């Protein structure tokens, strides 16, 4: 009974290998051009992106203070600079980012469809 079972296993293995060899097809990669296949961004999408960026800047503008401190720390600035100048720079950037966010939230529905959707600050998002 051992040889019959072994013959069955060998026969099944040969059949599986042959079926895999003869049933394979040639696979052709599809070319992809995002300019042709993705839909164009509409004015409404641009306006909603501007609204989202503005809300993000309004709610996370305060985060410029620790982000500025971290950037200056990684640049190797001295202790006095980190605790004297960096918080002032961070606070100024926080006010600038928050006020820019307020401007974008207020102006998003009134912008011209072809312009005025670019980010005012770089980077457009704090994180």
Protein backbone atom coordinates (compact mmCIF):
# COMPACT_ATOMS: atom_id res chain seq x y z
CA UNK A 1 0.00 0.00 0.00
CA UNK A 2 3.01 2.31 0.51
CA UNK A 3 4.09 2.08 -3.12
CA UNK A 4 0.58 2.80 -4.42
CA UNK A 5 0.31 5.88 -2.25
CA UNK A 6 3.75 7.04 -3.33
CA UNK A 7 2.84 6.57 -7.00
CA UNK A 8 -0.32 8.64 -6.42
CA UNK A 9 1.64 11.48 -4.79
CA UNK A 10 4.23 11.47 -7.60
CA UNK A 11 1.48 11.45 -10.23
CA UNK A 12 -0.30 14.37 -8.55
CA UNK A 13 2.95 16.32 -8.25
CA UNK A 14 3.71 15.78 -11.94
CA UNK A 15 0.16 16.87 -12.86
CA UNK A 16 0.42 20.04 -10.77
CA UNK A 17 3.78 20.95 -12.30
CA UNK A 18 2.54 20.29 -15.83
CA UNK A 19 -0.64 22.29 -15.27
CA UNK A 20 1.39 25.22 -13.98
CA UNK A 21 3.76 25.08 -16.93
CA UNK A 22 1.10 24.85 -19.62
CA UNK A 23 -1.51 27.15 -18.14
CA UNK A 24 0.71 30.19 -17.63
CA UNK A 25 0.03 33.17 -19.80
CA UNK A 26 2.18 36.04 -20.86
CA UNK A 27 1.63 39.02 -18.63
CA UNK A 28 1.96 42.47 -20.17
CA UNK A 29 2.50 45.52 -18.00
CA UNK A 30 0.06 48.35 -18.46
CA UNK A 31 1.49 51.75 -19.24
CA UNK A 32 0.31 54.47 -16.86
CA UNK A 33 0.19 58.18 -17.53
CA UNK A 34 -1.36 60.09 -14.63
CA UNK A 35 -2.05 63.12 -16.81
CA UNK A 36 -4.36 61.08 -19.01
CA UNK A 37 -5.87 58.62 -16.54
CA UNK A 38 -6.46 60.77 -13.46
CA UNK A 39 -9.30 63.29 -13.58
CA UNK A 40 -8.36 66.96 -13.55
CA UNK A 41 -8.59 68.72 -10.20
CA UNK A 42 -11.72 70.84 -10.07
CA UNK A 43 -12.12 74.28 -8.55
CA UNK A 44 -14.21 72.83 -5.75
CA UNK A 45 -11.44 70.40 -4.82
CA UNK A 46 -8.92 73.23 -4.84
CA UNK A 47 -11.20 75.32 -2.61
CA UNK A 48 -11.70 72.47 -0.16
CA UNK A 49 -7.95 71.85 -0.07
CA UNK A 50 -7.47 75.52 0.75
CA UNK A 51 -10.08 75.25 3.52
CA UNK A 52 -8.41 72.17 4.99
CA UNK A 53 -4.98 73.78 4.87
CA UNK A 54 -6.39 76.89 6.54
CA UNK A 55 -8.10 74.92 9.32
CA UNK A 56 -4.91 72.94 9.90
CA UNK A 57 -2.91 76.15 10.19
CA UNK A 58 -5.46 77.74 12.54
CA UNK A 59 -5.53 74.79 14.92
CA UNK A 60 -1.84 73.86 14.72
CA UNK A 61 -0.24 77.29 14.37
CA UNK A 62 0.94 77.16 17.99
CA UNK A 63 3.09 74.14 17.10
CA UNK A 64 5.58 76.44 15.35
CA UNK A 65 7.11 77.22 18.76
CA UNK A 66 8.34 73.68 19.58
CA UNK A 67 9.08 72.96 15.90
CA UNK A 68 11.32 76.04 15.68
CA UNK A 69 13.02 75.10 18.95
CA UNK A 70 13.66 71.58 17.61
CA UNK A 71 15.05 72.86 14.30
CA UNK A 72 17.43 75.24 16.06
CA UNK A 73 18.47 72.52 18.51
CA UNK A 74 19.34 70.19 15.61
CA UNK A 75 21.35 73.00 14.00
CA UNK A 76 23.50 73.09 17.13
CA UNK A 77 22.60 76.56 18.35
CA UNK A 78 23.88 77.56 21.80
CA UNK A 79 21.81 77.41 25.01
CA UNK A 80 21.16 81.16 25.15
CA UNK A 81 19.90 81.16 21.57
CA UNK A 82 17.60 78.20 22.21
CA UNK A 83 15.93 79.78 25.23
CA UNK A 84 16.09 83.43 24.15
CA UNK A 85 15.75 83.74 20.40
CA UNK A 86 14.10 80.47 19.29
CA UNK A 87 10.88 80.98 21.30
CA UNK A 88 10.50 84.49 19.87
CA UNK A 89 11.04 83.19 16.33
CA UNK A 90 8.61 80.33 16.98
CA UNK A 91 5.98 82.69 18.39
CA UNK A 92 6.34 84.99 15.37
CA UNK A 93 5.96 82.03 13.00
CA UNK A 94 2.99 80.78 15.06
CA UNK A 95 1.22 84.14 14.69
CA UNK A 96 2.06 84.18 10.98
CA UNK A 97 0.83 80.60 10.42
CA UNK A 98 -2.37 81.11 12.43
CA UNK A 99 -3.23 84.40 10.69
CA UNK A 100 -2.52 82.83 7.30
CA UNK A 101 -4.85 79.99 8.27
CA UNK A 102 -7.59 82.47 9.18
CA UNK A 103 -7.09 84.22 5.82
CA UNK A 104 -7.37 80.93 3.93
CA UNK A 105 -10.46 79.82 5.84
CA UNK A 106 -12.20 83.16 5.19
CA UNK A 107 -11.15 83.47 1.54
CA UNK A 108 -11.55 79.90 0.27
CA UNK A 109 -15.05 80.32 -1.24
CA UNK A 110 -14.25 83.67 -2.86
CA UNK A 111 -11.04 82.80 -4.70
CA UNK A 112 -10.76 82.87 -8.46
CA UNK A 113 -10.97 79.34 -9.85
CA UNK A 114 -7.72 79.61 -11.83
CA UNK A 115 -5.48 81.23 -9.18
CA UNK A 116 -5.20 81.88 -5.46
CA UNK A 117 -5.21 78.23 -4.39
CA UNK A 118 -1.47 77.95 -3.89
CA UNK A 119 -0.13 77.82 -0.35
CA UNK A 120 0.86 81.15 1.14
CA UNK A 121 3.40 79.60 3.54
CA UNK A 122 5.99 76.92 2.92
CA UNK A 123 5.67 74.21 4.05
CA UNK A 124 1.92 74.36 3.58
CA UNK A 125 1.30 72.13 6.61
CA UNK A 126 3.23 72.25 9.86
CA UNK A 127 3.63 68.47 10.04
